[in-house]
């Protein structure tokens, strides 16, 4: 993929209702999270500390996603807080850079609309990119 590939996310999680990973579907249809009882509007770019690979996704796609999720959670479990939703951000600087940032609490996110998620995500992304550019100068 041109942006460096998939990142571990709700789209791969056992608590989501995705049958397979298709970015075209997720543009218009939210993923339903059974763990938090809420809609996830950008499931390819969000996740929580309970991210666990879905057997449905492994069966339909391959064990690539299971390895991606398990490697990520093993390496980052200490940094992930309970009741927190994270957002993947990316920038390009001699290759794609991916970082996750705290989006909001799960209880707050459950009240959001798709528009609210886009608004907050864009704002966090702009702040993050500005900080990265300031470091590069």
Protein backbone atom coordinates (compact mmCIF):
# COMPACT_ATOMS: atom_id res chain seq x y z
CA UNK A 1 0.00 0.00 0.00
CA UNK A 2 1.29 3.48 -0.77
CA UNK A 3 0.86 4.75 2.81
CA UNK A 4 2.85 1.97 4.43
CA UNK A 5 0.01 -0.50 4.88
CA UNK A 6 -2.59 -1.20 7.50
CA UNK A 7 -2.07 -0.25 11.12
CA UNK A 8 -3.55 -2.26 14.02
CA UNK A 9 -7.10 -1.00 14.45
CA UNK A 10 -10.71 -1.63 15.37
CA UNK A 11 -11.26 -3.04 11.88
CA UNK A 12 -9.17 -6.07 12.90
CA UNK A 13 -10.55 -6.45 16.42
CA UNK A 14 -12.65 -9.32 17.74
CA UNK A 15 -15.05 -6.82 19.34
CA UNK A 16 -15.92 -5.31 15.95
CA UNK A 17 -18.43 -6.72 13.52
CA UNK A 18 -16.27 -6.52 10.39
CA UNK A 19 -16.34 -9.63 8.23
CA UNK A 20 -13.37 -8.44 6.20
CA UNK A 21 -11.28 -5.31 5.86
CA UNK A 22 -12.57 -3.01 3.15
CA UNK A 23 -11.81 0.70 3.35
CA UNK A 24 -14.63 1.43 0.89
CA UNK A 25 -17.25 0.05 3.28
CA UNK A 26 -15.85 1.91 6.28
CA UNK A 27 -16.14 5.26 4.51
CA UNK A 28 -19.92 5.04 4.78
CA UNK A 29 -20.73 2.32 7.32
CA UNK A 30 -19.44 2.43 10.89
CA UNK A 31 -18.12 -0.64 12.61
CA UNK A 32 -20.06 -1.68 15.71
CA UNK A 33 -17.94 -2.34 18.80
CA UNK A 34 -19.54 -4.93 21.10
CA UNK A 35 -17.03 -4.19 23.88
CA UNK A 36 -17.85 -0.49 24.18
CA UNK A 37 -21.37 -0.66 22.69
CA UNK A 38 -20.71 2.10 20.18
CA UNK A 39 -20.20 2.87 16.51
CA UNK A 40 -16.62 3.33 15.31
CA UNK A 41 -16.65 5.76 12.38
CA UNK A 42 -13.03 5.35 11.28
CA UNK A 43 -12.21 1.75 12.22
CA UNK A 44 -9.05 1.60 10.10
CA UNK A 45 -7.49 4.44 12.10
CA UNK A 46 -8.83 3.97 15.65
CA UNK A 47 -8.30 1.44 18.43
CA UNK A 48 -8.36 1.00 22.20
CA UNK A 49 -6.17 -0.84 24.72
CA UNK A 50 -8.32 -3.97 24.39
CA UNK A 51 -7.45 -4.46 20.72
CA UNK A 52 -7.51 -8.21 20.04
CA UNK A 53 -7.30 -9.86 16.63
CA UNK A 54 -10.58 -11.15 15.26
CA UNK A 55 -10.76 -14.77 14.16
CA UNK A 56 -13.21 -13.71 11.41
CA UNK A 57 -10.60 -11.36 9.95
CA UNK A 58 -7.81 -13.94 10.31
CA UNK A 59 -9.92 -16.56 8.54
CA UNK A 60 -10.92 -14.22 5.70
CA UNK A 61 -7.69 -12.28 5.21
CA UNK A 62 -4.72 -14.30 6.60
CA UNK A 63 -2.74 -14.36 9.78
CA UNK A 64 -0.97 -11.13 8.72
CA UNK A 65 -3.49 -9.11 10.72
CA UNK A 66 -3.21 -11.37 13.78
CA UNK A 67 0.56 -10.90 13.81
CA UNK A 68 0.21 -7.16 13.24
CA UNK A 69 -2.19 -6.79 16.17
CA UNK A 70 -0.32 -9.10 18.56
CA UNK A 71 3.08 -7.52 17.84
CA UNK A 72 1.64 -4.05 18.35
CA UNK A 73 -0.17 -4.86 21.60
CA UNK A 74 2.88 -6.67 23.02
CA UNK A 75 5.14 -3.71 22.26
CA UNK A 76 2.73 -0.98 23.38
CA UNK A 77 0.55 -2.44 26.16
CA UNK A 78 2.19 -0.31 28.87
CA UNK A 79 1.51 2.90 26.92
CA UNK A 80 -2.18 2.21 26.26
CA UNK A 81 -4.66 3.48 28.85
CA UNK A 82 -8.01 1.89 29.71
CA UNK A 83 -11.16 3.66 28.50
CA UNK A 84 -9.17 5.52 25.85
CA UNK A 85 -9.67 5.63 22.10
CA UNK A 86 -6.56 6.26 20.02
CA UNK A 87 -6.16 7.60 16.49
CA UNK A 88 -3.42 6.73 14.01
CA UNK A 89 -1.80 9.76 12.36
CA UNK A 90 0.67 9.66 9.51
CA UNK A 91 3.13 11.98 7.85
CA UNK A 92 5.65 11.60 5.09
CA UNK A 93 9.29 12.41 5.72
CA UNK A 94 11.71 10.13 3.86
CA UNK A 95 9.02 7.46 4.19
CA UNK A 96 5.73 7.22 6.00
CA UNK A 97 5.68 7.78 9.73
CA UNK A 98 2.77 6.45 11.79
CA UNK A 99 2.08 7.49 15.37
CA UNK A 100 -0.93 7.00 17.56
CA UNK A 101 -2.36 9.79 19.72
CA UNK A 102 -5.11 9.87 22.30
CA UNK A 103 -8.38 10.77 20.60
CA UNK A 104 -10.71 10.78 23.64
CA UNK A 105 -12.23 8.51 26.25
CA UNK A 106 -14.41 5.62 25.10
CA UNK A 107 -17.40 7.03 27.00
CA UNK A 108 -16.98 10.42 25.29
CA UNK A 109 -16.42 8.85 21.86
CA UNK A 110 -19.67 6.89 22.23
CA UNK A 111 -21.55 10.22 22.08
CA UNK A 112 -19.78 11.47 18.94
CA UNK A 113 -21.08 11.67 15.40
CA UNK A 114 -18.98 10.91 12.32
CA UNK A 115 -18.63 14.67 11.80
CA UNK A 116 -17.33 15.20 15.35
CA UNK A 117 -14.73 12.45 14.89
CA UNK A 118 -13.59 14.01 11.61
CA UNK A 119 -13.37 17.47 13.18
CA UNK A 120 -11.35 16.33 16.19
CA UNK A 121 -9.20 14.00 14.07
CA UNK A 122 -8.33 16.78 11.63
CA UNK A 123 -7.46 19.12 14.48
CA UNK A 124 -5.23 16.55 16.20
CA UNK A 125 -3.60 15.72 12.87
CA UNK A 126 -2.81 19.37 12.12
CA UNK A 127 -1.35 19.92 15.61
CA UNK A 128 0.73 16.74 15.34
CA UNK A 129 2.08 17.64 11.88
CA UNK A 130 2.93 21.18 13.04
CA UNK A 131 4.91 19.78 16.00
CA UNK A 132 6.73 17.37 13.69
CA UNK A 133 7.61 20.16 11.25
CA UNK A 134 8.82 22.37 14.10
CA UNK A 135 11.13 19.55 15.26
CA UNK A 136 12.51 19.14 11.74
CA UNK A 137 13.44 22.82 11.45
